[in-house]
């Protein structure tokens, strides 16, 4: 018998590549194709969030025209680093 207790539960997944701070007027002036400089390096891990809570670290991978995240570690293994 299948366990259906979690069916219908919504989880918002986000991936944070880096952060940037800028005035809202500058953000509003940006057009399509604008580049925002982040505080991360190309080799930094991305942080995977579930409902705005960090759950894993990963690296960005690109396959053909698709972008994905390869999970490298979970947050519980790295909590001493946080």
PDB file of N, CA and C in Angstrom:
ATOM      1  N   UNK A   1       0.846  -1.187   0.000  1.00  0.00           N
ATOM      2  CA  UNK A   1       0.000   0.000   0.000  1.00  0.00           C
ATOM      3  C   UNK A   1       0.889   1.247   0.000  1.00  0.00           C
ATOM      4  N   UNK A   2       0.608   2.187  -0.885  1.00  0.00           N
ATOM      5  CA  UNK A   2       1.398   3.407  -0.988  1.00  0.00           C
ATOM      6  C   UNK A   2       1.042   4.386   0.125  1.00  0.00           C
ATOM      7  N   UNK A   3       2.052   5.099   0.612  1.00  0.00           N
ATOM      8  CA  UNK A   3       1.832   6.128   1.619  1.00  0.00           C
ATOM      9  C   UNK A   3       1.520   7.433   0.895  1.00  0.00           C
ATOM     10  N   UNK A   4       0.318   7.950   1.022  1.00  0.00           N
ATOM     11  CA  UNK A   4      -0.100   9.165   0.324  1.00  0.00           C
ATOM     12  C   UNK A   4      -0.141  10.373   1.257  1.00  0.00           C
ATOM     13  N   UNK A   5       0.534  10.286   2.388  1.00  0.00           N
ATOM     14  CA  UNK A   5       0.485  11.367   3.371  1.00  0.00           C
ATOM     15  C   UNK A   5       1.140  12.646   2.870  1.00  0.00           C
ATOM     16  N   UNK A   6       2.095  12.542   1.952  1.00  0.00           N
ATOM     17  CA  UNK A   6       2.780  13.764   1.507  1.00  0.00           C
ATOM     18  C   UNK A   6       2.280  14.272   0.164  1.00  0.00           C
ATOM     19  N   UNK A   7       1.352  13.602  -0.453  1.00  0.00           N
ATOM     20  CA  UNK A   7       0.794  14.098  -1.703  1.00  0.00           C
ATOM     21  C   UNK A   7       0.085  15.425  -1.455  1.00  0.00           C
ATOM     22  N   UNK A   8       0.262  16.346  -2.347  1.00  0.00           N
ATOM     23  CA  UNK A   8      -0.398  17.638  -2.227  1.00  0.00           C
ATOM     24  C   UNK A   8       0.362  18.641  -1.372  1.00  0.00           C
ATOM     25  N   UNK A   9       1.534  18.267  -0.837  1.00  0.00           N
ATOM     26  CA  UNK A   9       2.336  19.193  -0.044  1.00  0.00           C
ATOM     27  C   UNK A   9       3.233  19.968  -0.999  1.00  0.00           C
ATOM     28  N   UNK A  10       3.132  21.288  -0.965  1.00  0.00           N
ATOM     29  CA  UNK A  10       3.946  22.138  -1.825  1.00  0.00           C
ATOM     30  C   UNK A  10       5.259  22.496  -1.141  1.00  0.00           C
ATOM     31  N   UNK A  11       6.344  22.384  -1.891  1.00  0.00           N
ATOM     32  CA  UNK A  11       7.666  22.775  -1.410  1.00  0.00           C
ATOM     33  C   UNK A  11       8.279  23.680  -2.467  1.00  0.00           C
ATOM     34  N   UNK A  12       8.691  24.868  -2.066  1.00  0.00           N
ATOM     35  CA  UNK A  12       9.332  25.807  -2.977  1.00  0.00           C
ATOM     36  C   UNK A  12      10.836  25.559  -2.954  1.00  0.00           C
ATOM     37  N   UNK A  13      11.402  25.218  -4.106  1.00  0.00           N
ATOM     38  CA  UNK A  13      12.835  24.964  -4.225  1.00  0.00           C
ATOM     39  C   UNK A  13      13.485  26.156  -4.920  1.00  0.00           C
ATOM     40  N   UNK A  14      14.558  26.666  -4.325  1.00  0.00           N
ATOM     41  CA  UNK A  14      15.321  27.775  -4.898  1.00  0.00           C
ATOM     42  C   UNK A  14      16.796  27.407  -4.875  1.00  0.00           C
ATOM     43  N   UNK A  15      17.554  27.991  -5.781  1.00  0.00           N
ATOM     44  CA  UNK A  15      18.998  27.808  -5.801  1.00  0.00           C
ATOM     45  C   UNK A  15      19.632  29.190  -5.780  1.00  0.00           C
ATOM     46  N   UNK A  16      20.506  29.425  -4.810  1.00  0.00           N
ATOM     47  CA  UNK A  16      21.178  30.714  -4.670  1.00  0.00           C
ATOM     48  C   UNK A  16      22.599  30.575  -5.195  1.00  0.00           C
ATOM     49  N   UNK A  17      22.897  31.353  -6.224  1.00  0.00           N
ATOM     50  CA  UNK A  17      24.228  31.336  -6.823  1.00  0.00           C
ATOM     51  C   UNK A  17      25.141  32.357  -6.160  1.00  0.00           C
ATOM     52  N   UNK A  18      24.572  33.404  -5.652  1.00  0.00           N
ATOM     53  CA  UNK A  18      25.305  34.491  -5.025  1.00  0.00           C
ATOM     54  C   UNK A  18      24.329  35.596  -4.692  1.00  0.00           C
ATOM     55  N   UNK A  19      24.841  36.670  -4.129  1.00  0.00           N
ATOM     56  CA  UNK A  19      23.974  37.784  -3.742  1.00  0.00           C
ATOM     57  C   UNK A  19      24.566  39.094  -4.252  1.00  0.00           C
ATOM     58  N   UNK A  20      23.707  40.088  -4.394  1.00  0.00           N
ATOM     59  CA  UNK A  20      24.119  41.424  -4.790  1.00  0.00           C
ATOM     60  C   UNK A  20      23.200  42.424  -4.101  1.00  0.00           C
ATOM     61  N   UNK A  21      23.747  43.571  -3.760  1.00  0.00           N
ATOM     62  CA  UNK A  21      22.970  44.653  -3.163  1.00  0.00           C
ATOM     63  C   UNK A  21      23.037  45.837  -4.112  1.00  0.00           C
ATOM     64  N   UNK A  22      21.854  46.385  -4.445  1.00  0.00           N
ATOM     65  CA  UNK A  22      21.814  47.554  -5.321  1.00  0.00           C
ATOM     66  C   UNK A  22      20.550  48.347  -5.013  1.00  0.00           C
ATOM     67  N   UNK A  23      20.586  49.641  -5.280  1.00  0.00           N
ATOM     68  CA  UNK A  23      19.385  50.454  -5.072  1.00  0.00           C
ATOM     69  C   UNK A  23      18.269  50.025  -6.022  1.00  0.00           C
ATOM     70  N   UNK A  24      17.045  50.141  -5.578  1.00  0.00           N
ATOM     71  CA  UNK A  24      15.896  49.721  -6.380  1.00  0.00           C
ATOM     72  C   UNK A  24      15.809  50.500  -7.684  1.00  0.00           C
ATOM     73  N   UNK A  25      16.174  51.785  -7.681  1.00  0.00           N
ATOM     74  CA  UNK A  25      16.108  52.581  -8.919  1.00  0.00           C
ATOM     75  C   UNK A  25      17.068  52.032  -9.970  1.00  0.00           C
ATOM     76  N   UNK A  26      18.213  51.484  -9.538  1.00  0.00           N
ATOM     77  CA  UNK A  26      19.161  50.882 -10.479  1.00  0.00           C
ATOM     78  C   UNK A  26      18.590  49.585 -11.045  1.00  0.00           C
ATOM     79  N   UNK A  27      17.951  48.803 -10.193  1.00  0.00           N
ATOM     80  CA  UNK A  27      17.334  47.553 -10.630  1.00  0.00           C
ATOM     81  C   UNK A  27      16.223  47.823 -11.647  1.00  0.00           C
ATOM     82  N   UNK A  28      15.420  48.856 -11.403  1.00  0.00           N
ATOM     83  CA  UNK A  28      14.317  49.186 -12.300  1.00  0.00           C
ATOM     84  C   UNK A  28      14.800  49.670 -13.665  1.00  0.00           C
ATOM     85  N   UNK A  29      16.006  50.240 -13.736  1.00  0.00           N
ATOM     86  CA  UNK A  29      16.555  50.726 -14.994  1.00  0.00           C
ATOM     87  C   UNK A  29      17.118  49.599 -15.860  1.00  0.00           C
ATOM     88  N   UNK A  30      17.333  48.432 -15.270  1.00  0.00           N
ATOM     89  CA  UNK A  30      17.948  47.327 -16.015  1.00  0.00           C
ATOM     90  C   UNK A  30      16.983  46.756 -17.038  1.00  0.00           C
ATOM     91  N   UNK A  31      17.521  46.444 -18.180  1.00  0.00           N
ATOM     92  CA  UNK A  31      16.714  45.844 -19.235  1.00  0.00           C
ATOM     93  C   UNK A  31      17.095  44.390 -19.447  1.00  0.00           C
ATOM     94  N   UNK A  32      16.452  43.799 -20.405  1.00  0.00           N
ATOM     95  CA  UNK A  32      16.725  42.403 -20.753  1.00  0.00           C
ATOM     96  C   UNK A  32      18.200  42.244 -21.128  1.00  0.00           C
ATOM     97  N   UNK A  33      18.826  41.222 -20.598  1.00  0.00           N
ATOM     98  CA  UNK A  33      20.229  40.945 -20.892  1.00  0.00           C
ATOM     99  C   UNK A  33      21.202  41.655 -19.977  1.00  0.00           C
ATOM    100  N   UNK A  34      20.697  42.451 -19.024  1.00  0.00           N
ATOM    101  CA  UNK A  34      21.575  43.145 -18.081  1.00  0.00           C
ATOM    102  C   UNK A  34      22.306  42.117 -17.215  1.00  0.00           C
ATOM    103  N   UNK A  35      23.500  42.459 -16.813  1.00  0.00           N
ATOM    104  CA  UNK A  35      24.317  41.579 -15.983  1.00  0.00           C
ATOM    105  C   UNK A  35      24.409  42.157 -14.582  1.00  0.00           C
ATOM    106  N   UNK A  36      24.134  41.321 -13.590  1.00  0.00           N
ATOM    107  CA  UNK A  36      24.258  41.718 -12.182  1.00  0.00           C
ATOM    108  C   UNK A  36      25.438  40.958 -11.592  1.00  0.00           C
ATOM    109  N   UNK A  37      26.421  41.687 -11.089  1.00  0.00           N
ATOM    110  CA  UNK A  37      27.604  41.059 -10.501  1.00  0.00           C
ATOM    111  C   UNK A  37      27.255  40.515  -9.119  1.00  0.00           C
ATOM    112  N   UNK A  38      27.562  39.242  -8.899  1.00  0.00           N
ATOM    113  CA  UNK A  38      27.281  38.589  -7.625  1.00  0.00           C
ATOM    114  C   UNK A  38      28.536  38.527  -6.765  1.00  0.00           C
ATOM    115  N   UNK A  39      28.341  38.274  -5.481  1.00  0.00           N
ATOM    116  CA  UNK A  39      29.463  38.191  -4.549  1.00  0.00           C
ATOM    117  C   UNK A  39      30.068  36.789  -4.495  1.00  0.00           C
ATOM    118  N   UNK A  40      29.893  35.990  -5.531  1.00  0.00           N
ATOM    119  CA  UNK A  40      30.386  34.618  -5.553  1.00  0.00           C
ATOM    120  C   UNK A  40      31.364  34.424  -6.704  1.00  0.00           C
ATOM    121  N   UNK A  41      32.240  33.449  -6.539  1.00  0.00           N
ATOM    122  CA  UNK A  41      33.170  33.070  -7.597  1.00  0.00           C
ATOM    123  C   UNK A  41      32.590  31.901  -8.380  1.00  0.00           C
ATOM    124  N   UNK A  42      33.149  31.647  -9.551  1.00  0.00           N
ATOM    125  CA  UNK A  42      32.665  30.561 -10.401  1.00  0.00           C
ATOM    126  C   UNK A  42      32.799  29.202  -9.720  1.00  0.00           C
ATOM    127  N   UNK A  43      33.749  29.056  -8.814  1.00  0.00           N
ATOM    128  CA  UNK A  43      33.973  27.761  -8.149  1.00  0.00           C
ATOM    129  C   UNK A  43      33.188  27.603  -6.857  1.00  0.00           C
ATOM    130  N   UNK A  44      32.476  28.638  -6.421  1.00  0.00           N
ATOM    131  CA  UNK A  44      31.699  28.550  -5.181  1.00  0.00           C
ATOM    132  C   UNK A  44      30.501  27.634  -5.374  1.00  0.00           C
ATOM    133  N   UNK A  45      30.142  26.931  -4.301  1.00  0.00           N
ATOM    134  CA  UNK A  45      28.939  26.096  -4.330  1.00  0.00           C
ATOM    135  C   UNK A  45      27.690  26.958  -4.331  1.00  0.00           C
ATOM    136  N   UNK A  46      26.664  26.485  -4.997  1.00  0.00           N
ATOM    137  CA  UNK A  46      25.339  27.087  -4.905  1.00  0.00           C
ATOM    138  C   UNK A  46      24.665  26.510  -3.666  1.00  0.00           C
ATOM    139  N   UNK A  47      23.719  27.236  -3.108  1.00  0.00           N
ATOM    140  CA  UNK A  47      22.973  26.760  -1.943  1.00  0.00           C
ATOM    141  C   UNK A  47      21.555  26.433  -2.406  1.00  0.00           C
ATOM    142  N   UNK A  48      21.102  25.225  -2.100  1.00  0.00           N
ATOM    143  CA  UNK A  48      19.751  24.790  -2.452  1.00  0.00           C
ATOM    144  C   UNK A  48      18.864  25.035  -1.232  1.00  0.00           C
ATOM    145  N   UNK A  49      17.753  25.757  -1.456  1.00  0.00           N
ATOM    146  CA  UNK A  49      16.812  26.081  -0.385  1.00  0.00           C
ATOM    147  C   UNK A  49      15.492  25.358  -0.620  1.00  0.00           C
ATOM    148  N   UNK A  50      14.893  24.882   0.450  1.00  0.00           N
ATOM    149  CA  UNK A  50      13.532  24.343   0.409  1.00  0.00           C
ATOM    150  C   UNK A  50      12.716  25.191   1.370  1.00  0.00           C
ATOM    151  N   UNK A  51      11.712  25.888   0.857  1.00  0.00           N
ATOM    152  CA  UNK A  51      10.917  26.827   1.658  1.00  0.00           C
ATOM    153  C   UNK A  51      11.819  27.803   2.413  1.00  0.00           C
ATOM    154  N   UNK A  52      12.801  28.349   1.698  1.00  0.00           N
ATOM    155  CA  UNK A  52      13.752  29.347   2.214  1.00  0.00           C
ATOM    156  C   UNK A  52      14.685  28.830   3.302  1.00  0.00           C
ATOM    157  N   UNK A  53      14.794  27.522   3.470  1.00  0.00           N
ATOM    158  CA  UNK A  53      15.720  26.926   4.432  1.00  0.00           C
ATOM    159  C   UNK A  53      16.799  26.171   3.666  1.00  0.00           C
ATOM    160  N   UNK A  54      18.092  26.413   3.978  1.00  0.00           N
ATOM    161  CA  UNK A  54      19.146  25.699   3.264  1.00  0.00           C
ATOM    162  C   UNK A  54      19.095  24.198   3.554  1.00  0.00           C
ATOM    163  N   UNK A  55      19.146  23.397   2.491  1.00  0.00           N
ATOM    164  CA  UNK A  55      19.108  21.946   2.670  1.00  0.00           C
ATOM    165  C   UNK A  55      20.296  21.239   2.029  1.00  0.00           C
ATOM    166  N   UNK A  56      20.959  21.895   1.056  1.00  0.00           N
ATOM    167  CA  UNK A  56      22.054  21.223   0.362  1.00  0.00           C
ATOM    168  C   UNK A  56      22.953  22.240  -0.330  1.00  0.00           C
ATOM    169  N   UNK A  57      24.126  21.766  -0.713  1.00  0.00           N
ATOM    170  CA  UNK A  57      25.071  22.538  -1.516  1.00  0.00           C
ATOM    171  C   UNK A  57      25.255  21.802  -2.831  1.00  0.00           C
ATOM    172  N   UNK A  58      25.534  22.552  -3.876  1.00  0.00           N
ATOM    173  CA  UNK A  58      25.726  21.901  -5.159  1.00  0.00           C
ATOM    174  C   UNK A  58      26.504  22.765  -6.111  1.00  0.00           C
ATOM    175  N   UNK A  59      26.873  22.156  -7.226  1.00  0.00           N
ATOM    176  CA  UNK A  59      27.554  22.920  -8.270  1.00  0.00           C
ATOM    177  C   UNK A  59      26.652  22.996  -9.489  1.00  0.00           C
ATOM    178  N   UNK A  60      26.732  24.109 -10.172  1.00  0.00           N
ATOM    179  CA  UNK A  60      25.907  24.342 -11.356  1.00  0.00           C
ATOM    180  C   UNK A  60      26.485  23.537 -12.515  1.00  0.00           C
ATOM    181  N   UNK A  61      25.614  22.838 -13.211  1.00  0.00           N
ATOM    182  CA  UNK A  61      26.033  22.089 -14.392  1.00  0.00           C
ATOM    183  C   UNK A  61      25.187  22.530 -15.580  1.00  0.00           C
ATOM    184  N   UNK A  62      25.789  22.509 -16.752  1.00  0.00           N
ATOM    185  CA  UNK A  62      25.073  22.866 -17.975  1.00  0.00           C
ATOM    186  C   UNK A  62      25.211  21.705 -18.946  1.00  0.00           C
ATOM    187  N   UNK A  63      24.072  21.197 -19.397  1.00  0.00           N
ATOM    188  CA  UNK A  63      24.034  20.114 -20.373  1.00  0.00           C
ATOM    189  C   UNK A  63      23.155  20.579 -21.525  1.00  0.00           C
ATOM    190  N   UNK A  64      23.766  20.734 -22.686  1.00  0.00           N
ATOM    191  CA  UNK A  64      23.079  21.275 -23.858  1.00  0.00           C
ATOM    192  C   UNK A  64      22.510  22.651 -23.488  1.00  0.00           C
ATOM    193  N   UNK A  65      21.197  22.830 -23.562  1.00  0.00           N
ATOM    194  CA  UNK A  65      20.571  24.110 -23.218  1.00  0.00           C
ATOM    195  C   UNK A  65      19.942  24.078 -21.832  1.00  0.00           C
ATOM    196  N   UNK A  66      20.257  23.065 -21.039  1.00  0.00           N
ATOM    197  CA  UNK A  66      19.650  22.915 -19.713  1.00  0.00           C
ATOM    198  C   UNK A  66      20.656  23.232 -18.618  1.00  0.00           C
ATOM    199  N   UNK A  67      20.174  23.930 -17.599  1.00  0.00           N
ATOM    200  CA  UNK A  67      20.994  24.250 -16.427  1.00  0.00           C
ATOM    201  C   UNK A  67      20.457  23.447 -15.259  1.00  0.00           C
ATOM    202  N   UNK A  68      21.359  22.848 -14.491  1.00  0.00           N
ATOM    203  CA  UNK A  68      20.945  22.057 -13.345  1.00  0.00           C
ATOM    204  C   UNK A  68      21.895  22.248 -12.180  1.00  0.00           C
ATOM    205  N   UNK A  69      21.597  21.556 -11.098  1.00  0.00           N
ATOM    206  CA  UNK A  69      22.436  21.593  -9.907  1.00  0.00           C
ATOM    207  C   UNK A  69      22.799  20.161  -9.546  1.00  0.00           C
ATOM    208  N   UNK A  70      24.085  19.907  -9.441  1.00  0.00           N
ATOM    209  CA  UNK A  70      24.564  18.611  -8.981  1.00  0.00           C
ATOM    210  C   UNK A  70      24.833  18.737  -7.482  1.00  0.00           C
ATOM    211  N   UNK A  71      24.066  18.021  -6.674  1.00  0.00           N
ATOM    212  CA  UNK A  71      24.194  18.121  -5.216  1.00  0.00           C
ATOM    213  C   UNK A  71      25.532  17.533  -4.788  1.00  0.00           C
ATOM    214  N   UNK A  72      26.304  18.306  -4.022  1.00  0.00           N
ATOM    215  CA  UNK A  72      27.618  17.863  -3.564  1.00  0.00           C
ATOM    216  C   UNK A  72      27.635  17.531  -2.079  1.00  0.00           C
ATOM    217  N   UNK A  73      26.724  18.100  -1.312  1.00  0.00           N
ATOM    218  CA  UNK A  73      26.696  17.850   0.133  1.00  0.00           C
ATOM    219  C   UNK A  73      25.366  18.340   0.682  1.00  0.00           C
ATOM    220  N   UNK A  74      24.979  17.812   1.829  1.00  0.00           N
ATOM    221  CA  UNK A  74      23.773  18.346   2.463  1.00  0.00           C
ATOM    222  C   UNK A  74      24.167  19.243   3.621  1.00  0.00           C
ATOM    223  N   UNK A  75      23.277  20.086   4.043  1.00  0.00           N
ATOM    224  CA  UNK A  75      23.563  21.080   5.075  1.00  0.00           C
ATOM    225  C   UNK A  75      23.943  20.429   6.394  1.00  0.00           C
ATOM    226  N   UNK A  76      23.293  19.323   6.752  1.00  0.00           N
ATOM    227  CA  UNK A  76      23.582  18.675   8.036  1.00  0.00           C
ATOM    228  C   UNK A  76      25.036  18.251   8.132  1.00  0.00           C
ATOM    229  N   UNK A  77      25.651  17.849   7.024  1.00  0.00           N
ATOM    230  CA  UNK A  77      27.065  17.468   7.053  1.00  0.00           C
ATOM    231  C   UNK A  77      27.987  18.645   7.217  1.00  0.00           C
ATOM    232  N   UNK A  78      27.493  19.862   6.949  1.00  0.00           N
ATOM    233  CA  UNK A  78      28.322  21.066   6.992  1.00  0.00           C
ATOM    234  C   UNK A  78      27.901  22.055   8.064  1.00  0.00           C
ATOM    235  N   UNK A  79      27.074  21.671   9.015  1.00  0.00           N
ATOM    236  CA  UNK A  79      26.561  22.645   9.981  1.00  0.00           C
ATOM    237  C   UNK A  79      27.656  23.267  10.820  1.00  0.00           C
ATOM    238  N   UNK A  80      28.780  22.616  11.018  1.00  0.00           N
ATOM    239  CA  UNK A  80      29.863  23.231  11.767  1.00  0.00           C
ATOM    240  C   UNK A  80      30.456  24.403  10.992  1.00  0.00           C
ATOM    241  N   UNK A  81      30.259  24.447   9.654  1.00  0.00           N
ATOM    242  CA  UNK A  81      30.773  25.548   8.839  1.00  0.00           C
ATOM    243  C   UNK A  81      29.848  26.753   8.840  1.00  0.00           C
ATOM    244  N   UNK A  82      28.608  26.610   9.268  1.00  0.00           N
ATOM    245  CA  UNK A  82      27.623  27.693   9.154  1.00  0.00           C
ATOM    246  C   UNK A  82      27.714  28.655  10.297  1.00  0.00           C
TER     247      UNK A  82
END
